[in-house]
Every structure is written in C-alpha cells, then in structure tokens.
Amino acid sequence: MAKVLMYSTAVCPYCVRAEQLLRSRGVSEIEKVRVDLDPQRREEMMEKTGRRTVPQIYIGDTHVGGCDDLMALDREGKLIPLLAE
C-alpha cells in the first residue's frame, strides 16, 4: 500500500472526513503533519502544493489535493488503484 501523508490542523472537519474515507479504503497508517503546531511545515506545504488550505494529501509521490479532490478521485474509481501502487 502506498504511503499517505496528510497536512492537517487540530479542528478541521475536512481532515476528519478525508481520514475516514482513507481508512474505509484500507489505509491503516497516515502520516499527519500538523501545520497549526509547526508554522515551518505550513510554509513547506504551501511551497509544495501552492495551496493554503488543509487537508493537503499525498498518496505516494502524487499530490491528490484536498478532501473534495480525494472524494472525487474515489467516485471516479481512481483512489483504490492509487493506494495500491
């Protein structure tokens, strides 16, 4: 299973929803980076993704985007194959 990295904050309903979807698709381990606790990691996230909002999700080396992007990927049937890489 591909490594999953999620930039998130403490109180973020979209982060929770994204994590629930990932777990329902068999992901047992999610590396979470709390950008609310570490401003340098927020800068890193913005440089890597060009976005300011959380969550920002990586599956392997692929930047998936946010919660809506993740859900769209799942609806299109592309999430499980990406996780399997």
Foldseek 3Di string as FASTA:
>chain_A
DFAKEWEEADDDVQQVLQVVVVVVLPDPDYHYHHCVVPVVVQVVVCVVPVDNDDTFMDGHNDTQGTSVSQVVCVVVVNNNVSNVD
